[in-house]
């Protein structure tokens, strides 16, 4: 599947997520975007990683950050709660992959979305939103569409 891509400057709501992208090499993917673009309260943010080393580095970062407290741990993730916002940040450890591959495994089009860093041609860092071609349409129409290749 060919994912669509937008620069964060086109979608200013994404800047609310920037603080959760600092200090690690992960990317945000999944249901957070449904809440964000519907102007609903964000309850949790799922951060995925390309490899175990990036996960371990982020785990160390969140463990040492005074803004967060350990919330829970299971086979899928280590979760931290932001003391100020109450938002739970889940560091996903059950699967590692690039953002464009990860969102392809999500079943519903309204969660096939990721906010990631991308290195530009001049070695600068850009933040981009990758999403299913149907993401905004299904979100706007409040349609829950299963995206399965048969």
Protein backbone atom coordinates (compact mmCIF):
# COMPACT_ATOMS: atom_id res chain seq x y z
CA UNK A 1 0.00 0.00 0.00
CA UNK A 2 1.17 3.51 -0.77
CA UNK A 3 0.90 5.72 2.32
CA UNK A 4 0.19 9.42 2.10
CA UNK A 5 2.58 11.84 3.76
CA UNK A 6 2.10 15.36 5.11
CA UNK A 7 4.51 17.80 6.68
CA UNK A 8 3.54 18.77 10.21
CA UNK A 9 3.35 22.46 9.20
CA UNK A 10 0.21 21.62 7.21
CA UNK A 11 -1.39 20.01 10.28
CA UNK A 12 -0.59 22.26 13.29
CA UNK A 13 -2.45 19.96 15.73
CA UNK A 14 0.52 17.59 15.44
CA UNK A 15 2.72 20.01 17.39
CA UNK A 16 0.94 18.84 20.57
CA UNK A 17 2.77 15.54 20.10
CA UNK A 18 6.27 17.02 19.71
CA UNK A 19 7.07 16.81 23.42
CA UNK A 20 6.56 13.03 23.26
CA UNK A 21 9.03 12.71 20.37
CA UNK A 22 11.97 14.34 22.18
CA UNK A 23 15.08 12.46 23.25
CA UNK A 24 14.46 9.09 21.57
CA UNK A 25 14.27 7.49 18.12
CA UNK A 26 10.70 6.24 18.31
CA UNK A 27 7.58 7.32 16.43
CA UNK A 28 3.95 7.68 17.47
CA UNK A 29 1.42 5.44 15.75
CA UNK A 30 -2.14 4.23 16.18
CA UNK A 31 -5.28 5.55 17.84
CA UNK A 32 -3.85 8.79 19.22
CA UNK A 33 -4.58 10.51 15.93
CA UNK A 34 -8.29 9.71 16.03
CA UNK A 35 -8.52 11.64 19.29
CA UNK A 36 -6.20 14.44 18.18
CA UNK A 37 -7.98 15.24 14.92
CA UNK A 38 -11.43 14.91 16.50
CA UNK A 39 -10.34 17.41 19.20
CA UNK A 40 -10.93 14.77 21.87
CA UNK A 41 -8.87 14.25 25.00
CA UNK A 42 -5.78 12.14 24.35
CA UNK A 43 -5.61 9.40 26.98
CA UNK A 44 -2.61 7.46 25.71
CA UNK A 45 0.16 7.64 23.16
CA UNK A 46 1.77 4.53 21.66
CA UNK A 47 5.44 4.93 20.75
CA UNK A 48 6.95 2.30 18.46
CA UNK A 49 10.57 1.66 17.54
CA UNK A 50 12.54 0.23 14.64
CA UNK A 51 14.71 -1.92 16.92
CA UNK A 52 15.23 -3.11 20.49
CA UNK A 53 18.18 -0.74 21.08
CA UNK A 54 15.97 2.30 20.38
CA UNK A 55 13.33 0.88 22.74
CA UNK A 56 15.88 0.37 25.53
CA UNK A 57 17.21 3.90 25.09
CA UNK A 58 13.68 5.36 25.33
CA UNK A 59 12.93 3.18 28.35
CA UNK A 60 15.99 4.60 30.10
CA UNK A 61 14.93 8.13 29.15
CA UNK A 62 11.37 7.79 30.50
CA UNK A 63 12.60 6.02 33.66
CA UNK A 64 14.87 8.96 34.45
CA UNK A 65 12.47 11.77 33.46
CA UNK A 66 10.86 13.39 36.52
CA UNK A 67 7.79 14.39 34.45
CA UNK A 68 6.80 10.71 34.23
CA UNK A 69 6.02 7.95 36.68
CA UNK A 70 5.97 4.24 35.93
CA UNK A 71 2.39 3.22 35.28
CA UNK A 72 2.46 -0.47 34.26
CA UNK A 73 4.39 -3.08 32.31
CA UNK A 74 3.23 -6.10 30.33
CA UNK A 75 4.51 -8.29 27.48
CA UNK A 76 3.60 -5.62 24.92
CA UNK A 77 4.82 -2.39 26.48
CA UNK A 78 6.24 -0.37 29.35
CA UNK A 79 3.90 2.49 30.24
CA UNK A 80 4.60 5.82 31.91
CA UNK A 81 2.11 8.45 33.05
CA UNK A 82 2.82 12.14 32.50
CA UNK A 83 2.35 13.71 35.94
CA UNK A 84 1.07 17.00 34.49
CA UNK A 85 -1.24 15.86 31.70
CA UNK A 86 -2.25 12.41 32.91
CA UNK A 87 -1.48 11.03 29.44
CA UNK A 88 -0.12 7.48 29.47
CA UNK A 89 2.83 6.89 27.14
CA UNK A 90 3.22 3.26 26.08
CA UNK A 91 6.65 2.24 24.81
CA UNK A 92 5.83 -0.73 22.61
CA UNK A 93 8.30 -3.62 22.82
CA UNK A 94 6.32 -6.44 21.24
CA UNK A 95 7.14 -5.54 17.63
CA UNK A 96 9.85 -3.48 15.97
CA UNK A 97 9.65 -2.05 12.45
CA UNK A 98 9.72 1.14 10.40
CA UNK A 99 6.68 3.41 10.69
CA UNK A 100 5.40 2.70 7.18
CA UNK A 101 5.49 -1.05 7.83
CA UNK A 102 4.01 -0.80 11.31
CA UNK A 103 0.89 1.11 10.32
CA UNK A 104 0.26 -1.49 7.63
CA UNK A 105 -0.42 -4.13 10.29
CA UNK A 106 -3.16 -2.07 11.98
CA UNK A 107 -6.60 -3.45 11.10
CA UNK A 108 -8.68 -0.27 11.00
CA UNK A 109 -8.06 2.65 8.63
CA UNK A 110 -8.67 5.22 11.39
CA UNK A 111 -5.58 4.01 13.26
CA UNK A 112 -3.33 3.60 10.22
CA UNK A 113 -1.35 6.70 11.03
CA UNK A 114 2.14 7.52 12.34
CA UNK A 115 4.05 10.67 13.30
CA UNK A 116 7.75 10.18 12.64
CA UNK A 117 11.04 11.94 12.04
CA UNK A 118 12.51 11.99 8.59
CA UNK A 119 16.00 13.15 7.64
CA UNK A 120 15.84 15.76 4.88
CA UNK A 121 18.24 16.11 1.96
CA UNK A 122 20.19 18.80 3.84
CA UNK A 123 20.53 16.49 6.90
CA UNK A 124 17.87 18.41 8.81
CA UNK A 125 15.06 16.70 10.65
CA UNK A 126 11.46 16.95 9.47
CA UNK A 127 8.41 15.62 11.24
CA UNK A 128 5.94 13.89 8.95
CA UNK A 129 2.56 12.25 9.24
CA UNK A 130 2.17 8.96 7.37
CA UNK A 131 -1.39 7.73 6.90
CA UNK A 132 -3.73 5.49 5.01
CA UNK A 133 -5.30 7.07 1.89
CA UNK A 134 -8.68 6.60 3.64
CA UNK A 135 -7.63 7.85 7.08
CA UNK A 136 -9.10 11.37 7.01
CA UNK A 137 -12.19 10.35 5.03
CA UNK A 138 -13.09 7.53 7.43
CA UNK A 139 -12.25 9.69 10.44
CA UNK A 140 -14.49 12.51 9.21
CA UNK A 141 -17.35 10.12 8.46
CA UNK A 142 -16.77 8.26 11.76
CA UNK A 143 -16.55 5.00 9.82
CA UNK A 144 -14.82 1.99 11.28
CA UNK A 145 -13.38 0.26 8.22
CA UNK A 146 -11.36 -2.92 8.39
CA UNK A 147 -8.39 -2.84 6.04
CA UNK A 148 -7.44 -6.43 5.28
CA UNK A 149 -5.74 -7.69 2.15
CA UNK A 150 -7.45 -10.96 1.27
